[in-house]
Amino acid sequence: MKRNLHLLMIDPQNDFCDLPDTHRPLDPVSLQPLTPALPVTGAHQDMLRLAGLINRGRAGLTAISLTLDSHHRFDIAHPTFWIAADGVPVAPYTEITAAQVRAQQYLPRHPAALPLALNYLDQLEAAGRYKLMIWPVHCEIGSWGNNVHADVRAAYGHWEQAALGIVAKLAKGSNPWTEHYSAVQAEVPYADDPDTQFNLKFVRGLAEADRIYIAGEAGSHCVKATVEHIADYFELEYGAASLGKLVLITDCISPVGGFEAQYQAFLQTMQARGVQLMQAGDVLPELLDNAGRALESA
């Protein structure tokens, strides 16, 4: 009998990939090659391996889901939101704390945003997961950087056509007042915005699978945060054994540079909790076996 094997691809987008020239088209406005905003070293090769896995094993995949980091240019985690006390723009990769804002070392460019920003920073720091990081403007809605890596997009398109299925696509990050690393919950959810709250329907749908293979970028942030939320829910609702359904495809995931230690600690913690670590070459036989089961039961 065919097993329910679900592939979850987290933010496999151009802006996160260290793309070669062959994957960088010309900007029709500047006539210069488009450049990824936040490239993760190794991500292009991750995506090629992921596309190859889908192409070779697609008959064994029951479902595919895809998350898309989707931001506005004006966002609390972008330089466009902030200004330093001396009037100098805030550089990407700057951390900002509530204490620094209260000391007026950094302030929102729009004065009316100050109480909202402080409320956010207070809640974020109380949660203890992350400090506010200012990232380059990335995955702007409607931009080339927001699009899926071309090889991955082609591969899942072939799956959709062969399976007569639809890849579920989940956008996250459009609320400019909160960071949204995790695909299933913002770092600070807001009561008046359901899109920032825990995506119970999606996570319960994942739980119906026999296996959930997880790949994407970046392992130190969006993959990490998403898997932590899913694993916590699975353990609470279905017991610790349910975490064995989760499989991290480690050669289809890379961390942001400078955050390698956090990524390795995440892998070790998840493995200790029962999440499986595999490579694409290990996953492929499972997909091929599942495809064979489908033929036998047809």
Protein backbone atom coordinates (compact mmCIF):
# COMPACT_ATOMS: atom_id res chain seq x y z
CA MET A 1 0.00 0.00 0.00
CA LYS A 2 1.35 3.44 -0.93
CA ARG A 3 2.56 5.52 2.00
CA ASN A 4 1.74 9.20 2.51
CA LEU A 5 5.10 10.89 1.87
CA HIS A 6 5.01 14.70 2.08
CA LEU A 7 7.79 17.04 0.96
CA LEU A 8 7.95 20.41 2.73
CA MET A 9 10.17 22.96 0.99
CA ILE A 10 10.92 26.00 3.12
CA ASP A 11 11.72 29.25 1.29
CA PRO A 12 13.60 27.82 -1.74
CA GLN A 13 13.74 31.32 -3.21
CA ASN A 14 16.15 33.19 -5.44
CA ASP A 15 17.08 35.78 -2.81
CA PHE A 16 18.43 33.04 -0.53
CA CYS A 17 20.49 31.24 -3.19
CA ASP A 18 24.11 31.83 -4.17
CA LEU A 19 23.17 31.67 -7.82
CA PRO A 20 25.67 31.43 -10.67
CA ASP A 21 25.44 33.75 -13.68
CA THR A 22 23.40 31.16 -15.58
CA HIS A 23 20.57 31.59 -13.06
CA ARG A 24 20.68 35.40 -12.91
CA PRO A 25 18.67 37.07 -15.69
CA LEU A 26 19.04 40.72 -16.64
CA ASP A 27 16.98 43.30 -14.82
CA PRO A 28 14.95 44.98 -17.59
CA VAL A 29 15.25 48.32 -15.79
CA SER A 30 18.97 48.48 -14.93
CA LEU A 31 20.07 46.01 -17.63
CA GLN A 32 22.35 44.43 -15.02
CA PRO A 33 22.16 40.80 -13.84
CA LEU A 34 19.73 40.40 -10.95
CA THR A 35 21.49 39.71 -7.67
CA PRO A 36 20.15 37.65 -4.75
CA ALA A 37 19.65 39.88 -1.71
CA LEU A 38 20.60 37.41 1.01
CA PRO A 39 22.51 34.53 -0.61
CA VAL A 40 23.28 31.52 1.57
CA THR A 41 26.52 29.76 0.70
CA GLY A 42 25.72 26.33 -0.68
CA ALA A 43 22.04 27.03 -1.30
CA HIS A 44 22.23 26.76 -5.10
CA GLN A 45 23.71 23.27 -4.87
CA ASP A 46 21.10 22.42 -2.20
CA MET A 47 18.37 23.38 -4.63
CA LEU A 48 19.90 21.40 -7.50
CA ARG A 49 19.98 18.31 -5.28
CA LEU A 50 16.40 18.96 -4.17
CA ALA A 51 15.23 19.38 -7.78
CA GLY A 52 17.01 16.15 -8.72
CA LEU A 53 15.33 14.30 -5.87
CA ILE A 54 11.89 15.52 -6.96
CA ASN A 55 12.55 14.65 -10.59
CA ARG A 56 13.78 11.13 -9.86
CA GLY A 57 11.41 10.29 -7.03
CA ARG A 58 8.29 12.27 -7.85
CA ALA A 59 6.09 9.20 -8.40
CA GLY A 60 6.64 8.32 -4.75
CA LEU A 61 5.64 11.73 -3.38
CA THR A 62 2.06 12.02 -2.17
CA ALA A 63 2.10 15.76 -1.47
CA ILE A 64 4.38 18.78 -1.75
CA SER A 65 4.13 22.01 0.23
CA LEU A 66 6.12 25.16 -0.37
CA THR A 67 6.62 28.19 1.87
CA LEU A 68 7.50 31.62 0.52
CA ASP A 69 9.15 34.37 2.53
CA SER A 70 7.16 37.41 1.33
CA HIS A 71 7.97 40.88 2.61
CA HIS A 72 7.27 44.53 1.95
CA ARG A 73 10.15 46.94 1.50
CA PHE A 74 9.00 48.71 4.68
CA ASP A 75 9.44 46.06 7.37
CA ILE A 76 10.60 46.12 10.98
CA ALA A 77 13.51 43.83 10.06
CA HIS A 78 14.66 45.92 7.06
CA PRO A 79 16.96 48.98 7.01
CA THR A 80 14.10 51.02 5.52
CA PHE A 81 12.37 51.01 8.93
CA TRP A 82 15.23 52.35 11.10
CA ILE A 83 17.64 55.27 11.47
CA ALA A 84 20.59 55.60 13.83
CA ALA A 85 20.79 58.44 16.36
CA ASP A 86 23.38 60.29 14.24
CA GLY A 87 21.11 60.09 11.20
CA VAL A 88 23.17 57.38 9.54
CA PRO A 89 21.21 54.54 7.91
CA VAL A 90 21.21 51.25 9.81
CA ALA A 91 23.34 48.68 8.03
CA PRO A 92 22.12 45.15 7.34
CA TYR A 93 23.09 42.52 9.92
CA THR A 94 22.72 45.01 12.80
CA GLU A 95 20.99 43.71 15.93
CA ILE A 96 18.63 46.14 17.65
CA THR A 97 17.36 45.74 21.22
CA ALA A 98 14.57 47.43 23.12
CA ALA A 99 17.16 49.01 25.43
CA GLN A 100 18.95 50.59 22.47
CA VAL A 101 15.71 52.03 21.15
CA ARG A 102 14.81 53.43 24.58
CA ALA A 103 18.28 54.98 24.68
CA GLN A 104 17.55 56.44 21.21
CA GLN A 105 20.57 54.75 19.63
CA TYR A 106 18.16 53.55 16.97
CA LEU A 107 14.73 54.93 16.17
CA PRO A 108 12.00 54.17 13.63
CA ARG A 109 12.15 56.55 10.69
CA HIS A 110 8.45 57.23 11.27
CA PRO A 111 8.05 58.69 14.82
CA ALA A 112 4.54 57.26 15.19
CA ALA A 113 6.00 53.76 14.90
CA LEU A 114 8.00 54.05 18.13
CA PRO A 115 5.43 52.57 20.58
CA LEU A 116 4.62 49.73 18.18
CA ALA A 117 8.30 48.95 17.67
CA LEU A 118 9.02 48.95 21.40
CA ASN A 119 6.03 46.71 22.07
CA TYR A 120 7.35 44.30 19.47
CA LEU A 121 10.90 44.30 20.79
CA ASP A 122 9.73 43.76 24.36
CA GLN A 123 7.63 40.75 23.34
CA LEU A 124 10.34 39.36 21.08
CA GLU A 125 13.00 39.53 23.77
CA ALA A 126 10.66 38.07 26.39
CA ALA A 127 10.13 35.03 24.14
CA GLY A 128 13.89 34.46 24.16
CA ARG A 129 14.16 32.92 20.68
CA TYR A 130 15.74 35.74 18.69
CA LYS A 131 16.87 39.34 18.88
CA LEU A 132 15.77 41.69 16.13
CA MET A 133 18.16 41.34 13.19
CA ILE A 134 18.14 43.90 10.40
CA TRP A 135 18.38 42.01 7.12
CA PRO A 136 18.87 43.38 3.60
CA VAL A 137 15.56 44.03 1.89
CA HIS A 138 14.75 40.56 0.59
CA CYS A 139 11.96 38.44 -0.87
CA GLU A 140 10.02 41.59 -1.67
CA ILE A 141 6.54 40.64 -2.83
CA GLY A 142 6.38 40.60 -6.61
CA SER A 143 10.14 40.61 -7.12
CA TRP A 144 12.42 38.11 -8.86
CA GLY A 145 14.03 37.41 -5.48
CA ASN A 146 10.66 36.29 -4.13
CA ASN A 147 10.42 33.64 -6.87
CA VAL A 148 11.31 29.99 -6.41
CA HIS A 149 14.69 28.71 -7.63
CA ALA A 150 14.17 27.85 -11.30
CA ASP A 151 15.24 24.19 -11.12
CA VAL A 152 13.04 23.51 -8.09
CA ARG A 153 10.10 25.26 -9.73
CA ALA A 154 10.51 23.18 -12.89
CA ALA A 155 10.78 19.97 -10.86
CA TYR A 156 7.64 20.54 -8.82
CA GLY A 157 5.83 21.60 -11.99
CA HIS A 158 6.58 18.17 -13.46
CA TRP A 159 5.24 16.60 -10.26
CA GLU A 160 2.03 18.63 -10.49
CA GLN A 161 1.51 17.56 -14.08
CA ALA A 162 2.28 13.88 -13.45
CA ALA A 163 0.34 13.62 -10.19
CA LEU A 164 -2.52 15.90 -11.30
CA GLY A 165 -1.87 17.60 -7.99
CA ILE A 166 -1.21 21.06 -6.65
CA VAL A 167 1.81 22.13 -4.63
CA ALA A 168 0.42 23.92 -1.56
CA LYS A 169 2.01 27.38 -1.42
CA LEU A 170 2.12 29.27 1.89
CA ALA A 171 3.23 32.90 1.95
CA LYS A 172 4.54 34.30 5.23
CA GLY A 173 6.09 37.55 6.32
CA SER A 174 3.76 40.20 4.88
CA ASN A 175 2.98 41.78 8.27
CA PRO A 176 5.69 44.48 8.56
CA TRP A 177 5.45 44.63 12.37
CA THR A 178 6.79 41.16 13.17
CA GLU A 179 9.49 38.80 11.98
CA HIS A 180 8.23 35.57 10.47
CA TYR A 181 11.07 33.07 10.31
CA SER A 182 8.83 30.10 10.97
CA ALA A 183 6.45 29.14 8.21
CA VAL A 184 3.73 28.32 10.73
CA GLN A 185 3.88 31.22 13.23
CA ALA A 186 5.37 34.71 13.43
CA GLU A 187 7.91 35.44 16.16
CA VAL A 188 5.36 37.75 17.79
CA PRO A 189 1.82 36.77 16.72
CA TYR A 190 -0.82 39.50 16.71
CA ALA A 191 -4.42 38.89 17.76
CA ASP A 192 -5.77 41.04 14.92
CA ASP A 193 -3.79 39.23 12.20
CA PRO A 194 -4.57 35.51 11.76
CA ASP A 195 -1.68 35.16 9.29
CA THR A 196 0.78 35.72 12.15
CA GLN A 197 -0.82 33.10 14.41
CA PHE A 198 -0.07 29.39 14.56
CA ASN A 199 -1.19 27.71 11.34
CA LEU A 200 -3.03 24.84 12.98
CA LYS A 201 -4.75 23.64 9.81
CA PHE A 202 -1.49 23.25 7.91
CA VAL A 203 0.39 21.51 10.74
CA ARG A 204 -2.48 19.10 11.34
CA GLY A 205 -2.43 18.33 7.62
CA LEU A 206 1.27 17.53 7.85
CA ALA A 207 0.58 15.19 10.74
CA GLU A 208 -1.52 12.99 8.45
CA ALA A 209 1.61 11.99 6.53
CA ASP A 210 3.70 8.93 7.28
CA ARG A 211 6.82 10.97 6.61
CA ILE A 212 7.50 14.69 6.18
CA TYR A 213 10.72 15.39 4.31
CA ILE A 214 12.00 18.91 4.96
CA ALA A 215 14.43 20.95 2.85
CA GLY A 216 15.07 24.63 2.17
CA GLU A 217 16.80 27.76 3.38
CA ALA A 218 18.17 28.79 5.68
CA GLY A 219 18.90 26.07 8.17
CA SER A 220 19.89 28.56 10.86
CA HIS A 221 16.70 30.58 10.67
CA CYS A 222 13.55 29.74 8.68
CA VAL A 223 14.07 25.97 8.55
CA LYS A 224 15.08 25.92 12.20
CA ALA A 225 12.15 28.02 13.40
CA THR A 226 9.60 26.11 11.31
CA VAL A 227 10.76 22.68 12.43
CA GLU A 228 10.91 23.75 16.07
CA HIS A 229 7.27 24.88 15.96
CA ILE A 230 6.11 21.73 14.14
CA ALA A 231 8.09 19.43 16.44
CA ASP A 232 6.72 21.12 19.57
CA TYR A 233 3.15 20.74 18.33
CA PHE A 234 3.63 17.13 17.25
CA GLU A 235 5.11 16.18 20.60
CA LEU A 236 2.36 17.92 22.55
CA GLU A 237 -0.54 16.56 20.49
CA TYR A 238 0.69 13.16 19.25
CA GLY A 239 3.52 12.18 21.58
CA ALA A 240 7.30 12.14 21.22
CA ALA A 241 7.24 9.18 18.82
CA SER A 242 5.52 11.36 16.18
CA LEU A 243 8.73 13.35 15.73
CA GLY A 244 10.12 10.30 13.93
CA LYS A 245 7.92 11.30 10.99
CA LEU A 246 10.06 14.40 10.45
CA VAL A 247 13.10 14.01 8.19
CA LEU A 248 15.60 16.81 7.61
CA ILE A 249 17.30 16.40 4.22
CA THR A 250 20.61 17.82 5.39
CA ASP A 251 22.30 18.17 2.00
CA CYS A 252 19.37 20.28 0.81
CA ILE A 253 19.71 22.80 3.68
CA SER A 254 22.45 25.35 4.52
CA PRO A 255 22.82 27.99 7.27
CA VAL A 256 23.34 31.72 6.95
CA GLY A 257 27.06 32.51 7.16
CA GLY A 258 28.12 33.20 10.74
CA PHE A 259 25.27 31.09 12.14
CA GLU A 260 26.78 27.66 11.51
CA ALA A 261 26.99 26.85 15.22
CA GLN A 262 23.30 27.60 15.75
CA TYR A 263 22.43 25.34 12.83
CA GLN A 264 24.54 22.45 14.11
CA ALA A 265 23.04 22.82 17.59
CA PHE A 266 19.57 22.72 16.01
CA LEU A 267 20.38 19.50 14.13
CA GLN A 268 21.74 17.87 17.27
CA THR A 269 18.71 18.91 19.33
CA MET A 270 16.23 17.69 16.74
CA GLN A 271 18.03 14.37 16.32
CA ALA A 272 18.02 13.88 20.09
CA ARG A 273 14.25 14.46 20.07
CA GLY A 274 13.72 11.80 17.39
CA VAL A 275 13.76 13.81 14.16
CA GLN A 276 15.64 11.91 11.44
CA LEU A 277 18.60 13.34 9.53
CA MET A 278 19.00 12.02 5.99
CA GLN A 279 20.54 13.03 2.70
CA ALA A 280 18.81 13.18 -0.67
CA GLY A 281 20.50 9.94 -1.71
CA ASP A 282 18.99 8.20 1.32
CA VAL A 283 15.52 9.59 0.67
CA LEU A 284 15.37 8.58 -2.99
CA PRO A 285 15.10 4.79 -2.36
CA GLU A 286 12.12 5.44 -0.06
CA LEU A 287 10.39 7.43 -2.80
CA LEU A 288 11.14 4.81 -5.44
CA ASP A 289 9.84 2.08 -3.14
CA ASN A 290 6.67 4.08 -2.58
CA ALA A 291 6.24 4.53 -6.32
CA GLY A 292 6.49 0.76 -6.69
CA ARG A 293 3.84 0.26 -4.05
CA ALA A 294 1.53 2.55 -5.98
CA LEU A 295 1.98 0.49 -9.14
CA GLU A 296 1.35 -2.77 -7.29
CA SER A 297 -1.91 -1.48 -5.81
CA ALA A 298 -3.11 0.11 -9.06
